[in-house]
């Protein structure tokens, strides 16, 4: 066992986020893990790593859309795997609608959700979005479906569908638009579990729409197999986490004996005791061969909306300094 002395954090006026992250490296618990996540992410970026990001939870409504879009544009990530819900809310913002934060006094357990229903508002914890946004979403995605060539045996993968959507958005802060502009594929394995999937099913009742839910697996596995090194940034867990990690199960062992992901950062509020994937530790993933035995990995138990901007800001500072030297 290697022991390291715990050192107290020293803050000062004008310190940068990276300065703070470096101070936290001497701490234990979540502070030390956040600092470790910054170090691992920095190494990913320096080590010619193909970086996968898994996005679960209501991160777009909470305000993380611009952070993730920036990561894509700067190629801090190379592959996106997300839930359908986050894409829905990304499109809503790109079409000019917004999410609204409730005042703290109104976001308590006593909020009148029945009253919100009567006002045409839908709640996500302390956020509301108006029904009109979903009506515009329906009109928009139906237009995308109309433009797809589904004649004969022509079929689309889900990543091809998300690309078609992104090509029809103009908002630079959009995740889908940024992915198209940066040639970053966006996979959404559970797209049926979203308003996009719901409207696709409704559309299919009267028109042709052929989307193959399995085609994406070959593309994702090929990306993993072709990569010199691989890293995963898992936000929340869920389906995106497993969809990313299962690629390692069918990939051949590398010439140097490595298997699984070389780097991994997981940010989650779930804990492992109930056996759920979102709380499963990255060490557990090593037993499956999803993460390499010698991989550099950390699980940070934290709200993603707090941890992700801090990690990214610290890493950006380091990469900027590296460019100057």
Protein backbone atom coordinates (compact mmCIF):
# COMPACT_ATOMS: atom_id res chain seq x y z
CA UNK A 1 0.00 0.00 0.00
CA UNK A 2 1.36 3.39 -0.99
CA UNK A 3 0.46 6.21 1.40
CA UNK A 4 0.43 9.90 0.55
CA UNK A 5 0.08 12.65 3.10
CA UNK A 6 -3.21 14.57 2.91
CA UNK A 7 -2.53 18.25 2.36
CA UNK A 8 -4.96 21.04 3.08
CA UNK A 9 -6.29 23.28 0.33
CA UNK A 10 -4.90 26.81 0.20
CA UNK A 11 -7.06 29.27 -1.69
CA UNK A 12 -6.05 32.75 -2.75
CA UNK A 13 -7.53 35.71 -4.52
CA UNK A 14 -7.42 35.45 -8.29
CA UNK A 15 -6.55 31.76 -8.47
CA UNK A 16 -7.62 29.95 -11.64
CA UNK A 17 -9.76 26.83 -11.80
CA UNK A 18 -6.63 24.87 -12.65
CA UNK A 19 -4.84 26.37 -9.65
CA UNK A 20 -7.70 25.11 -7.49
CA UNK A 21 -7.62 21.66 -9.14
CA UNK A 22 -3.92 21.38 -8.38
CA UNK A 23 -4.56 22.33 -4.76
CA UNK A 24 -7.28 19.67 -4.55
CA UNK A 25 -4.80 16.99 -5.66
CA UNK A 26 -3.49 16.85 -2.11
CA UNK A 27 -6.95 16.12 -0.71
CA UNK A 28 -8.98 12.94 -0.31
CA UNK A 29 -12.62 12.08 -1.02
CA UNK A 30 -14.31 13.88 -3.93
CA UNK A 31 -11.78 16.71 -4.02
CA UNK A 32 -8.90 14.37 -4.72
CA UNK A 33 -10.91 12.46 -7.30
CA UNK A 34 -11.81 15.65 -9.15
CA UNK A 35 -8.13 16.56 -9.34
CA UNK A 36 -7.37 13.04 -10.57
CA UNK A 37 -10.03 13.40 -13.28
CA UNK A 38 -8.36 16.58 -14.52
CA UNK A 39 -4.97 14.81 -14.69
CA UNK A 40 -6.43 11.84 -16.58
CA UNK A 41 -8.32 14.03 -19.05
CA UNK A 42 -5.18 16.05 -19.73
CA UNK A 43 -3.25 12.87 -20.43
CA UNK A 44 -6.01 11.64 -22.77
CA UNK A 45 -5.67 14.81 -24.82
CA UNK A 46 -1.89 14.56 -25.01
CA UNK A 47 -1.73 10.83 -25.78
CA UNK A 48 -3.36 10.60 -29.23
CA UNK A 49 -6.47 9.11 -27.63
CA UNK A 50 -9.84 8.57 -29.30
CA UNK A 51 -12.21 10.01 -26.71
CA UNK A 52 -15.76 8.72 -26.24
CA UNK A 53 -18.28 10.68 -24.18
CA UNK A 54 -21.45 9.15 -22.73
CA UNK A 55 -24.22 11.61 -21.84
CA UNK A 56 -27.10 10.53 -19.62
CA UNK A 57 -29.47 12.43 -17.35
CA UNK A 58 -31.08 15.80 -18.03
CA UNK A 59 -27.79 17.56 -18.73
CA UNK A 60 -28.96 19.71 -21.64
CA UNK A 61 -31.95 21.17 -19.76
CA UNK A 62 -29.65 21.85 -16.79
CA UNK A 63 -27.31 24.04 -18.87
CA UNK A 64 -24.52 21.66 -19.93
CA UNK A 65 -25.35 21.92 -23.64
CA UNK A 66 -22.84 24.69 -24.35
CA UNK A 67 -20.11 22.90 -22.39
CA UNK A 68 -20.57 19.67 -24.36
CA UNK A 69 -20.86 21.50 -27.69
CA UNK A 70 -17.58 23.28 -26.92
CA UNK A 71 -15.89 19.97 -26.10
CA UNK A 72 -17.00 18.68 -29.51
CA UNK A 73 -15.90 21.75 -31.45
CA UNK A 74 -12.47 21.73 -29.80
CA UNK A 75 -12.18 17.94 -30.37
CA UNK A 76 -11.89 17.33 -26.66
CA UNK A 77 -14.17 14.42 -27.54
CA UNK A 78 -14.27 12.40 -30.77
CA UNK A 79 -17.37 10.24 -30.34
CA UNK A 80 -20.71 11.09 -28.67
CA UNK A 81 -23.13 8.54 -27.24
CA UNK A 82 -26.20 10.07 -25.65
CA UNK A 83 -29.79 9.57 -24.64
CA UNK A 84 -32.59 10.64 -26.97
CA UNK A 85 -33.88 13.06 -24.35
CA UNK A 86 -30.69 15.14 -24.44
CA UNK A 87 -30.96 15.38 -28.23
CA UNK A 88 -34.60 16.43 -27.93
CA UNK A 89 -33.70 19.28 -25.60
CA UNK A 90 -30.71 20.23 -27.74
CA UNK A 91 -33.03 20.58 -30.75
CA UNK A 92 -35.54 22.57 -28.71
CA UNK A 93 -32.86 25.11 -27.78
CA UNK A 94 -31.55 25.22 -31.37
CA UNK A 95 -35.06 26.01 -32.62
CA UNK A 96 -35.27 29.05 -30.36
CA UNK A 97 -37.14 27.68 -27.36
CA UNK A 98 -35.60 27.59 -23.92
CA UNK A 99 -35.60 25.90 -20.53
CA UNK A 100 -36.45 28.00 -17.50
CA UNK A 101 -35.16 27.63 -13.95
CA UNK A 102 -37.75 27.95 -11.21
CA UNK A 103 -37.06 30.10 -8.18
CA UNK A 104 -35.73 28.05 -5.29
CA UNK A 105 -38.89 28.66 -3.25
CA UNK A 106 -40.98 27.31 -6.14
CA UNK A 107 -38.86 24.20 -6.78
CA UNK A 108 -39.51 22.50 -3.48
CA UNK A 109 -41.33 19.23 -2.91
CA UNK A 110 -44.56 21.19 -2.64
CA UNK A 111 -44.51 22.50 -6.21
CA UNK A 112 -47.94 22.43 -7.85
CA UNK A 113 -47.27 20.07 -10.75
CA UNK A 114 -50.96 19.81 -11.57
CA UNK A 115 -50.97 23.59 -11.86
CA UNK A 116 -47.98 23.47 -14.19
CA UNK A 117 -49.87 21.00 -16.36
CA UNK A 118 -52.72 23.47 -16.63
CA UNK A 119 -50.29 26.20 -17.67
CA UNK A 120 -48.77 24.03 -20.40
CA UNK A 121 -45.42 23.56 -18.68
CA UNK A 122 -43.42 20.37 -18.09
CA UNK A 123 -41.06 20.07 -15.11
CA UNK A 124 -37.62 18.51 -14.78
CA UNK A 125 -36.66 19.01 -11.11
CA UNK A 126 -36.22 22.81 -10.91
CA UNK A 127 -36.55 23.40 -14.68
CA UNK A 128 -39.66 23.90 -16.79
CA UNK A 129 -40.15 23.84 -20.56
CA UNK A 130 -43.27 24.94 -22.40
CA UNK A 131 -45.44 22.55 -24.40
CA UNK A 132 -45.05 24.80 -27.45
CA UNK A 133 -41.42 23.73 -27.65
CA UNK A 134 -42.42 20.11 -28.20
CA UNK A 135 -44.97 21.12 -30.83
CA UNK A 136 -42.22 22.88 -32.80
CA UNK A 137 -39.96 19.86 -32.28
CA UNK A 138 -42.58 17.60 -33.86
CA UNK A 139 -42.90 19.83 -36.90
CA UNK A 140 -39.13 20.00 -37.28
CA UNK A 141 -38.40 16.28 -37.04
CA UNK A 142 -41.25 15.42 -39.40
CA UNK A 143 -39.58 17.69 -41.93
CA UNK A 144 -36.32 15.77 -41.44
CA UNK A 145 -38.14 12.47 -41.97
CA UNK A 146 -39.75 13.84 -45.14
CA UNK A 147 -36.33 14.68 -46.58
CA UNK A 148 -34.87 11.21 -46.01
CA UNK A 149 -34.81 8.93 -49.02
CA UNK A 150 -36.56 5.81 -47.75
CA UNK A 151 -37.51 4.44 -51.13
CA UNK A 152 -36.72 0.83 -51.91
CA UNK A 153 -34.29 -0.79 -49.48
CA UNK A 154 -32.62 2.45 -48.38
CA UNK A 155 -32.07 2.37 -44.62
CA UNK A 156 -30.45 4.79 -42.20
CA UNK A 157 -28.40 4.13 -39.09
CA UNK A 158 -29.26 6.17 -36.02
CA UNK A 159 -25.99 8.09 -36.35
CA UNK A 160 -26.95 8.95 -39.95
CA UNK A 161 -30.30 10.22 -38.65
CA UNK A 162 -28.67 12.39 -35.96
CA UNK A 163 -26.31 13.77 -38.61
CA UNK A 164 -29.26 14.66 -40.85
CA UNK A 165 -30.84 16.50 -37.93
CA UNK A 166 -27.62 18.39 -37.16
CA UNK A 167 -27.25 19.43 -40.79
CA UNK A 168 -30.57 21.26 -40.49
CA UNK A 169 -29.65 23.25 -37.38
CA UNK A 170 -27.83 26.58 -37.40
CA UNK A 171 -27.24 27.19 -33.69
CA UNK A 172 -23.50 27.00 -33.01
CA UNK A 173 -24.18 26.00 -29.40
CA UNK A 174 -26.09 22.93 -30.52
CA UNK A 175 -24.52 19.56 -29.75
CA UNK A 176 -25.82 18.10 -33.02
CA UNK A 177 -24.76 21.09 -35.10
CA UNK A 178 -21.29 21.12 -33.51
CA UNK A 179 -20.94 17.39 -34.18
CA UNK A 180 -21.73 17.84 -37.88
CA UNK A 181 -19.31 20.77 -38.19
CA UNK A 182 -16.54 18.82 -36.41
CA UNK A 183 -17.20 15.46 -38.10
CA UNK A 184 -17.97 13.83 -34.75
CA UNK A 185 -20.48 10.96 -34.91
CA UNK A 186 -23.44 11.03 -32.52
CA UNK A 187 -24.86 7.66 -31.46
CA UNK A 188 -28.16 7.30 -29.64
CA UNK A 189 -28.82 3.60 -28.97
CA UNK A 190 -32.11 4.20 -27.12
CA UNK A 191 -33.52 6.85 -29.43
CA UNK A 192 -36.95 5.18 -29.31
CA UNK A 193 -37.07 6.23 -25.66
CA UNK A 194 -37.54 9.90 -26.54
CA UNK A 195 -39.80 12.35 -28.34
CA UNK A 196 -37.75 11.75 -31.48
CA UNK A 197 -38.57 8.05 -31.28
CA UNK A 198 -42.21 8.74 -30.49
CA UNK A 199 -42.63 11.02 -33.51
CA UNK A 200 -40.73 8.57 -35.70
CA UNK A 201 -43.23 5.86 -34.79
CA UNK A 202 -46.18 8.17 -35.48
CA UNK A 203 -44.63 9.16 -38.81
CA UNK A 204 -44.19 5.51 -39.79
CA UNK A 205 -47.93 4.95 -39.58
CA UNK A 206 -48.47 6.91 -42.79
CA UNK A 207 -45.06 7.13 -44.52
CA UNK A 208 -41.86 5.17 -45.08
CA UNK A 209 -39.06 5.57 -42.56
CA UNK A 210 -36.37 2.90 -42.32
CA UNK A 211 -33.89 3.25 -39.44
CA UNK A 212 -31.72 0.30 -38.45
CA UNK A 213 -31.05 0.35 -34.71
CA UNK A 214 -28.16 -2.13 -35.03
CA UNK A 215 -26.07 -0.57 -37.81
CA UNK A 216 -24.35 1.82 -35.41
CA UNK A 217 -22.67 -0.99 -33.55
CA UNK A 218 -20.28 -1.80 -36.41
CA UNK A 219 -19.28 1.85 -36.81
CA UNK A 220 -18.68 2.29 -33.09
CA UNK A 221 -16.69 -0.95 -32.81
CA UNK A 222 -14.60 0.00 -35.86
CA UNK A 223 -13.76 3.35 -34.27
CA UNK A 224 -12.63 1.59 -31.12
CA UNK A 225 -10.56 -1.02 -33.00
CA UNK A 226 -8.88 1.59 -35.22
CA UNK A 227 -7.89 3.82 -32.30
CA UNK A 228 -4.32 3.91 -31.06
CA UNK A 229 -5.58 4.53 -27.53
CA UNK A 230 -9.10 4.93 -26.19
CA UNK A 231 -10.64 6.99 -23.42
CA UNK A 232 -14.15 7.30 -22.04
CA UNK A 233 -15.82 10.19 -20.23
CA UNK A 234 -19.02 8.86 -18.69
CA UNK A 235 -21.56 11.43 -17.53
CA UNK A 236 -24.21 9.77 -15.41
CA UNK A 237 -24.03 6.23 -16.76
CA UNK A 238 -27.13 4.50 -18.13
CA UNK A 239 -27.45 3.18 -21.67
CA UNK A 240 -24.69 5.41 -23.12
CA UNK A 241 -22.18 3.99 -20.63
CA UNK A 242 -22.85 0.39 -21.57
CA UNK A 243 -23.04 1.13 -25.30
CA UNK A 244 -19.55 2.64 -25.13
CA UNK A 245 -17.99 -0.02 -22.93
CA UNK A 246 -19.47 -3.03 -24.73
CA UNK A 247 -17.39 -2.17 -27.79
CA UNK A 248 -14.38 -3.48 -25.89
CA UNK A 249 -16.01 -6.89 -25.46
CA UNK A 250 -15.74 -7.78 -29.16
CA UNK A 251 -12.54 -5.93 -30.00
CA UNK A 252 -9.46 -8.11 -30.46
CA UNK A 253 -6.64 -7.84 -27.96
CA UNK A 254 -3.97 -5.42 -29.13
CA UNK A 255 -0.51 -6.55 -30.16
CA UNK A 256 0.94 -5.37 -26.86
CA UNK A 257 -1.64 -7.36 -24.89
CA UNK A 258 -3.80 -4.39 -23.92
CA UNK A 259 -7.58 -4.80 -23.85
CA UNK A 260 -10.40 -2.46 -22.97
CA UNK A 261 -10.27 1.31 -22.59
CA UNK A 262 -6.95 2.90 -21.67
CA UNK A 263 -8.49 5.84 -19.82
CA UNK A 264 -11.85 6.37 -18.12
CA UNK A 265 -13.52 9.13 -16.12
CA UNK A 266 -16.95 8.52 -14.64
CA UNK A 267 -19.01 11.24 -12.96
CA UNK A 268 -22.11 9.95 -11.22
CA UNK A 269 -24.30 10.45 -8.16
CA UNK A 270 -25.27 6.76 -8.09
CA UNK A 271 -23.53 4.29 -5.79
CA UNK A 272 -22.68 0.64 -6.53
CA UNK A 273 -24.63 -1.12 -3.78
CA UNK A 274 -27.81 -1.77 -5.80
CA UNK A 275 -25.98 -3.32 -8.75
CA UNK A 276 -27.08 -0.67 -11.23
CA UNK A 277 -24.72 0.20 -14.07
CA UNK A 278 -24.76 3.95 -13.41
CA UNK A 279 -23.20 3.39 -10.00
CA UNK A 280 -20.94 0.50 -10.96
CA UNK A 281 -17.30 1.29 -10.36
CA UNK A 282 -14.78 1.40 -13.16
CA UNK A 283 -12.80 -1.28 -11.34
CA UNK A 284 -15.80 -3.57 -11.77
CA UNK A 285 -15.61 -2.93 -15.52
CA UNK A 286 -12.07 -4.35 -15.48
CA UNK A 287 -13.51 -7.77 -14.61
CA UNK A 288 -15.38 -7.69 -17.93
CA UNK A 289 -12.40 -6.53 -19.95
CA UNK A 290 -14.19 -3.26 -20.71
CA UNK A 291 -11.43 -1.24 -19.07
CA UNK A 292 -7.81 -2.28 -19.19
CA UNK A 293 -6.19 -3.72 -16.08
CA UNK A 294 -3.58 -0.95 -16.17
CA UNK A 295 -5.98 1.77 -17.32
CA UNK A 296 -5.89 5.17 -15.67
CA UNK A 297 -9.39 5.61 -14.33
CA UNK A 298 -11.36 7.47 -11.68
CA UNK A 299 -14.98 7.51 -10.53
CA UNK A 300 -16.04 10.90 -9.19
CA UNK A 301 -19.22 10.85 -7.11
CA UNK A 302 -20.61 14.26 -7.92
CA UNK A 303 -23.33 16.14 -9.76
CA UNK A 304 -22.14 16.36 -13.37
CA UNK A 305 -23.34 19.97 -13.61
CA UNK A 306 -20.81 20.90 -10.93
CA UNK A 307 -17.88 18.67 -11.83
CA UNK A 308 -17.82 18.79 -15.65
CA UNK A 309 -17.35 22.57 -16.08
CA UNK A 310 -14.62 22.58 -13.42
CA UNK A 311 -12.75 19.70 -15.03
CA UNK A 312 -13.02 21.18 -18.51
CA UNK A 313 -11.95 24.66 -17.41
CA UNK A 314 -8.87 23.28 -15.66
CA UNK A 315 -7.91 21.09 -18.62
CA UNK A 316 -8.41 23.96 -21.08
CA UNK A 317 -5.99 26.09 -19.06
CA UNK A 318 -3.35 23.34 -19.14
CA UNK A 319 -3.74 22.71 -22.86
CA UNK A 320 -3.52 26.46 -23.55
CA UNK A 321 -0.33 26.67 -21.51
CA UNK A 322 1.10 23.67 -23.37
CA UNK A 323 0.50 25.39 -26.71
CA UNK A 324 2.49 28.43 -25.55
CA UNK A 325 5.56 26.40 -24.56
